[in-house]
C-alpha atoms as a PDB file:
ATOM      1  CA  MET A   1      78.180 116.701 111.049  1.00  0.00           C
ATOM      2  CA  ASN A   2      79.447 117.451 107.599  1.00  0.00           C
ATOM      3  CA  VAL A   3      78.576 114.987 104.815  1.00  0.00           C
ATOM      4  CA  GLU A   4      79.845 115.729 101.313  1.00  0.00           C
ATOM      5  CA  ARG A   5      79.850 114.330  97.800  1.00  0.00           C
ATOM      6  CA  ILE A   6      83.347 114.084  96.436  1.00  0.00           C
ATOM      7  CA  LYS A   7      84.269 114.094  92.739  1.00  0.00           C
ATOM      8  CA  VAL A   8      87.751 112.725  92.055  1.00  0.00           C
ATOM      9  CA  LYS A   9      89.686 113.596  88.883  1.00  0.00           C
ATOM     10  CA  GLY A  10      89.293 110.843  86.286  1.00  0.00           C
ATOM     11  CA  TRP A  11      86.681 108.869  88.205  1.00  0.00           C
ATOM     12  CA  LYS A  12      83.179 108.550  86.752  1.00  0.00           C
ATOM     13  CA  GLY A  13      81.179 108.391  89.963  1.00  0.00           C
ATOM     14  CA  LYS A  14      80.933 110.673  92.938  1.00  0.00           C
ATOM     15  CA  GLU A  15      81.650 109.347  96.383  1.00  0.00           C
ATOM     16  CA  ARG A  16      80.027 110.332  99.630  1.00  0.00           C
ATOM     17  CA  GLY A  17      81.595 110.616 103.045  1.00  0.00           C
ATOM     18  CA  LEU A  18      81.384 112.015 106.544  1.00  0.00           C
ATOM     19  CA  ILE A  19      84.199 114.555 106.790  1.00  0.00           C
ATOM     20  CA  LEU A  20      86.508 113.750 109.715  1.00  0.00           C
ATOM     21  CA  ALA A  21      89.713 115.745 109.158  1.00  0.00           C
ATOM     22  CA  GLU A  22      91.738 117.537 106.527  1.00  0.00           C
ATOM     23  CA  ASN A  23      94.995 119.327 105.959  1.00  0.00           C
ATOM     24  CA  GLU A  24      96.571 120.918 102.876  1.00  0.00           C
ATOM     25  CA  GLU A  25      97.242 117.549 101.229  1.00  0.00           C
ATOM     26  CA  TRP A  26      94.660 115.029 102.503  1.00  0.00           C
ATOM     27  CA  LEU A  27      90.938 114.740 103.243  1.00  0.00           C
ATOM     28  CA  LEU A  28      89.848 111.964 105.649  1.00  0.00           C
ATOM     29  CA  VAL A  29      86.269 110.721 105.415  1.00  0.00           C
ATOM     30  CA  GLN A  30      84.256 107.876 106.798  1.00  0.00           C
ATOM     31  CA  CYS A  31      82.760 106.255 103.700  1.00  0.00           C
ATOM     32  CA  ILE A  32      79.027 106.197 103.011  1.00  0.00           C
ATOM     33  CA  PRO A  33      78.474 103.494 100.377  1.00  0.00           C
ATOM     34  CA  VAL A  34      74.693 103.877 100.519  1.00  0.00           C
ATOM     35  CA  ASP A  35      72.202 106.059 102.407  1.00  0.00           C
ATOM     36  CA  TYR A  36      72.857 105.926 106.172  1.00  0.00           C
ATOM     37  CA  LEU A  37      75.502 103.190 106.173  1.00  0.00           C
ATOM     38  CA  LEU A  38      79.101 103.879 107.197  1.00  0.00           C
ATOM     39  CA  ASP A  39      81.811 101.460 106.064  1.00  0.00           C
ATOM     40  CA  GLY A  40      85.487 102.179 106.495  1.00  0.00           C
ATOM     41  CA  TYR A  41      87.634 105.247 105.926  1.00  0.00           C
ATOM     42  CA  LYS A  42      89.154 106.913 102.901  1.00  0.00           C
ATOM     43  CA  LEU A  43      91.935 109.425 102.523  1.00  0.00           C
ATOM     44  CA  TYR A  44      91.626 111.502  99.359  1.00  0.00           C
ATOM     45  CA  ARG A  45      94.639 113.360  98.009  1.00  0.00           C
ATOM     46  CA  LYS A  46      93.201 116.855  97.790  1.00  0.00           C
ATOM     47  CA  ASP A  47      94.892 117.740  94.511  1.00  0.00           C
ATOM     48  CA  SER A  48      92.885 114.868  92.951  1.00  0.00           C
ATOM     49  CA  VAL A  49      89.559 116.180  94.264  1.00  0.00           C
ATOM     50  CA  LEU A  50      87.767 118.202  91.613  1.00  0.00           C
ATOM     51  CA  LYS A  51      84.678 119.129  93.580  1.00  0.00           C
ATOM     52  CA  ARG A  52      83.131 118.805  97.028  1.00  0.00           C
ATOM     53  CA  SER A  53      79.455 119.527  97.523  1.00  0.00           C
ATOM     54  CA  THR A  54      76.614 119.193  99.975  1.00  0.00           C
ATOM     55  CA  LYS A  55      73.047 118.899  98.713  1.00  0.00           C
ATOM     56  CA  SER A  56      69.763 117.992 100.363  1.00  0.00           C
ATOM     57  CA  ASP A  57      70.587 114.243 100.335  1.00  0.00           C
ATOM     58  CA  GLU A  58      73.836 114.861 102.207  1.00  0.00           C
ATOM     59  CA  GLU A  59      72.088 117.209 104.639  1.00  0.00           C
ATOM     60  CA  MET A  60      69.519 114.457 105.410  1.00  0.00           C
ATOM     61  CA  ILE A  61      72.287 111.896 105.938  1.00  0.00           C
ATOM     62  CA  ALA A  62      74.096 114.310 108.279  1.00  0.00           C
ATOM     63  CA  HIS A  63      70.839 114.834 110.171  1.00  0.00           C
ATOM     64  CA  VAL A  64      70.355 111.063 110.612  1.00  0.00           C
ATOM     65  CA  PHE A  65      73.966 110.664 111.780  1.00  0.00           C
ATOM     66  CA  GLY A  66      73.297 113.407 114.335  1.00  0.00           C
ATOM     67  CA  LEU A  67      70.187 111.543 115.540  1.00  0.00           C
ATOM     68  CA  LYS A  68      72.345 108.417 115.877  1.00  0.00           C
ATOM     69  CA  LYS A  69      74.875 110.490 117.869  1.00  0.00           C
ATOM     70  CA  LEU A  70      77.711 109.314 115.638  1.00  0.00           C
ATOM     71  CA  SER A  71      81.162 110.825 116.033  1.00  0.00           C
ATOM     72  CA  ASN A  72      82.720 112.879 113.295  1.00  0.00           C
ATOM     73  CA  LYS A  73      86.217 112.481 114.705  1.00  0.00           C
ATOM     74  CA  ALA A  74      89.148 110.686 113.141  1.00  0.00           C
ATOM     75  CA  PRO A  75      89.879 107.200 114.509  1.00  0.00           C
ATOM     76  CA  THR A  76      91.682 107.311 117.860  1.00  0.00           C
ATOM     77  CA  GLY A  77      95.397 107.798 117.343  1.00  0.00           C
ATOM     78  CA  PHE A  78      95.192 108.617 113.629  1.00  0.00           C
ATOM     79  CA  LYS A  79      96.973 111.778 112.491  1.00  0.00           C
ATOM     80  CA  LEU A  80      97.178 113.298 109.048  1.00  0.00           C
ATOM     81  CA  GLY A  81     100.844 113.456 108.119  1.00  0.00           C
ATOM     82  CA  SER A  82     103.327 111.875 105.756  1.00  0.00           C
ATOM     83  CA  ILE A  83     102.093 109.026 103.622  1.00  0.00           C
ATOM     84  CA  GLU A  84     104.575 106.722 105.367  1.00  0.00           C
ATOM     85  CA  SER A  85     103.340 107.594 108.869  1.00  0.00           C
ATOM     86  CA  MET A  86      99.674 107.268 107.863  1.00  0.00           C
ATOM     87  CA  LEU A  87     100.234 103.880 106.200  1.00  0.00           C
ATOM     88  CA  GLY A  88     102.221 102.733 109.233  1.00  0.00           C
ATOM     89  CA  TRP A  89      99.310 103.585 111.540  1.00  0.00           C
ATOM     90  CA  ILE A  90      96.791 101.975 109.160  1.00  0.00           C
ATOM     91  CA  GLU A  91      98.778  98.745 108.987  1.00  0.00           C
ATOM     92  CA  LYS A  92      99.291  98.630 112.747  1.00  0.00           C
ATOM     93  CA  LYS A  93      95.565  99.084 113.444  1.00  0.00           C
ATOM     94  CA  HIS A  94      93.977  97.420 110.386  1.00  0.00           C
ATOM     95  CA  GLY A  95      96.633  95.078 108.965  1.00  0.00           C
ATOM     96  CA  LEU A  96      96.440  96.367 105.387  1.00  0.00           C
ATOM     97  CA  PHE A  97      95.362  99.260 103.193  1.00  0.00           C
ATOM     98  CA  GLU A  98      93.849  99.796  99.766  1.00  0.00           C
ATOM     99  CA  LEU A  99      95.282 102.131  97.145  1.00  0.00           C
ATOM    100  CA  GLN A 100      93.419 103.733  94.256  1.00  0.00           C
ATOM    101  CA  MET A 101      95.223 105.462  91.456  1.00  0.00           C
ATOM    102  CA  LYS A 102      94.002 107.028  88.211  1.00  0.00           C
ATOM    103  CA  ARG A 103      91.423 104.352  87.391  1.00  0.00           C
ATOM    104  CA  GLU A 104      88.571 104.252  89.886  1.00  0.00           C
ATOM    105  CA  GLU A 105      87.942 100.525  89.456  1.00  0.00           C
ATOM    106  CA  GLU A 106      91.553  99.473  90.098  1.00  0.00           C
ATOM    107  CA  LEU A 107      92.011  98.580  93.754  1.00  0.00           C
ATOM    108  CA  PHE A 108      95.325  97.462  95.200  1.00  0.00           C
ATOM    109  CA  PHE A 109      95.218  95.829  98.649  1.00  0.00           C
ATOM    110  CA  GLY A 110      98.520  95.387 100.381  1.00  0.00           C
ATOM    111  CA  LYS A 111     101.106  96.129 103.023  1.00  0.00           C
ATOM    112  CA  LEU A 112     103.995  98.566 102.908  1.00  0.00           C
ATOM    113  CA  VAL A 113     107.372  96.918 102.395  1.00  0.00           C
ATOM    114  CA  GLU A 114     109.411 100.128 102.265  1.00  0.00           C
ATOM    115  CA  MET A 115     109.583 103.697 101.019  1.00  0.00           C
ATOM    116  CA  GLU A 116     112.105 104.502  98.309  1.00  0.00           C
ATOM    117  CA  GLU A 117     112.301 108.298  98.214  1.00  0.00           C
ATOM    118  CA  GLU A 118     108.795 109.246  96.979  1.00  0.00           C
ATOM    119  CA  ASP A 119     107.800 105.720  95.929  1.00  0.00           C
ATOM    120  CA  LEU A 120     106.093 102.977  97.898  1.00  0.00           C
ATOM    121  CA  VAL A 121     107.066  99.327  97.613  1.00  0.00           C
ATOM    122  CA  VAL A 122     103.863  97.436  98.411  1.00  0.00           C
ATOM    123  CA  GLN A 123     103.318  93.725  99.012  1.00  0.00           C
ATOM    124  CA  LEU A 124     100.031  93.093  97.197  1.00  0.00           C
ATOM    125  CA  LEU A 125      97.457  90.601  98.400  1.00  0.00           C
ATOM    126  CA  ALA A 126      95.318  88.294  96.300  1.00  0.00           C
ATOM    127  CA  PHE A 127      91.533  88.195  96.812  1.00  0.00           C
ATOM    128  CA  ASP A 128      91.987  85.093  98.993  1.00  0.00           C
ATOM    129  CA  GLY A 129      94.342  86.951 101.356  1.00  0.00           C
ATOM    130  CA  SER A 130      97.477  85.196 100.141  1.00  0.00           C
ATOM    131  CA  GLU A 131     100.783  87.007  99.919  1.00  0.00           C
ATOM    132  CA  ASP A 132     103.348  86.357  97.252  1.00  0.00           C
ATOM    133  CA  GLU A 133     106.813  87.720  97.945  1.00  0.00           C
ATOM    134  CA  GLU A 134     107.275  88.120  94.193  1.00  0.00           C
ATOM    135  CA  ASN A 135     104.123  90.248  94.084  1.00  0.00           C
ATOM    136  CA  GLU A 136     105.727  93.515  95.214  1.00  0.00           C
ATOM    137  CA  TYR A 137     104.848  96.639  93.253  1.00  0.00           C
ATOM    138  CA  LEU A 138     106.292 100.104  93.122  1.00  0.00           C
ATOM    139  CA  PHE A 139     103.769 102.949  93.379  1.00  0.00           C
ATOM    140  CA  ALA A 140     104.640 106.601  92.865  1.00  0.00           C
ATOM    141  CA  SER A 141     103.187 108.149  96.026  1.00  0.00           C
ATOM    142  CA  LYS A 142     102.216 111.356  94.182  1.00  0.00           C
ATOM    143  CA  LYS A 143      99.958 109.346  91.843  1.00  0.00           C
ATOM    144  CA  ILE A 144      97.887 107.835  94.654  1.00  0.00           C
ATOM    145  CA  ARG A 145      94.432 109.431  94.618  1.00  0.00           C
ATOM    146  CA  ALA A 146      92.924 107.590  97.575  1.00  0.00           C
ATOM    147  CA  ILE A 147      93.886 105.297 100.441  1.00  0.00           C
ATOM    148  CA  SER A 148      91.154 103.232 102.102  1.00  0.00           C
ATOM    149  CA  PHE A 149      91.126 101.177 105.277  1.00  0.00           C
ATOM    150  CA  GLY A 150      88.800  99.615 107.824  1.00  0.00           C
ATOM    151  CA  SER A 151      85.998  98.610 105.435  1.00  0.00           C
ATOM    152  CA  ASP A 152      84.111  95.354 105.830  1.00  0.00           C
ATOM    153  CA  TYR A 153      85.756  94.037 102.654  1.00  0.00           C
ATOM    154  CA  ALA A 154      89.263  95.005 103.813  1.00  0.00           C
ATOM    155  CA  ASP A 155      88.624  93.462 107.241  1.00  0.00           C
ATOM    156  CA  SER A 156      87.478  90.240 105.539  1.00  0.00           C
ATOM    157  CA  LEU A 157      90.631  90.204 103.425  1.00  0.00           C
ATOM    158  CA  ARG A 158      92.723  90.761 106.574  1.00  0.00           C
ATOM    159  CA  LEU A 159      91.078  87.727 108.221  1.00  0.00           C
ATOM    160  CA  LEU A 160      91.879  85.610 105.166  1.00  0.00           C
ATOM    161  CA  MET A 161      95.464  86.936 105.227  1.00  0.00           C
ATOM    162  CA  GLU A 162      95.809  85.976 108.898  1.00  0.00           C
ATOM    163  CA  GLU A 163      94.379  82.519 108.183  1.00  0.00           C
ATOM    164  CA  GLN A 164      96.877  82.044 105.307  1.00  0.00           C
ATOM    165  CA  SER A 165      99.685  83.105 107.646  1.00  0.00           C
ATOM    166  CA  GLN A 166      98.624  80.559 110.273  1.00  0.00           C
ATOM    167  CA  LYS A 167      98.536  77.780 107.649  1.00  0.00           C
ATOM    168  CA  THR A 168     102.059  78.702 106.564  1.00  0.00           C
ATOM    169  CA  LEU A 169     103.303  78.621 110.165  1.00  0.00           C
ATOM    170  CA  LYS A 170     101.791  75.163 110.743  1.00  0.00           C
ATOM    171  CA  LYS A 171     103.578  73.763 107.673  1.00  0.00           C
ATOM    172  CA  VAL A 172     107.018  74.756 108.985  1.00  0.00           C
END
């Protein structure tokens, strides 16, 4: 088990995660929001990571995860690859993803509409899970610092999205 603190360029706080996989461009972690709790996954663009470290707190967390016999493997079927292929897998398995850019506190939940060269066209979701076809945004893929999925919050938003979709179908 390898647990690390991760410092992202331009973000004030450090994040903590169980390292699952990495390649030249991306680092996949299972998020540790507090102590021994795991909640969702995050892909960090490695050129946005300033520092990775392991201290005694992270060693203790890794020890506890070992006692719990937790897996440090990527989710079944997930492969690090192009941003389009990763987002496609995330949407298929989790319904939506979250993007973080330069500002740590700005979170964009949505679904991929299409790729335009190196840019993503994303259908953003409101906090109540509603979709607005006029609420499509263009994101430069190279400016994305992190992609999250599978958290309790994201799963709750997905359920609201599905409920909104069912209401729309019943109206027709």
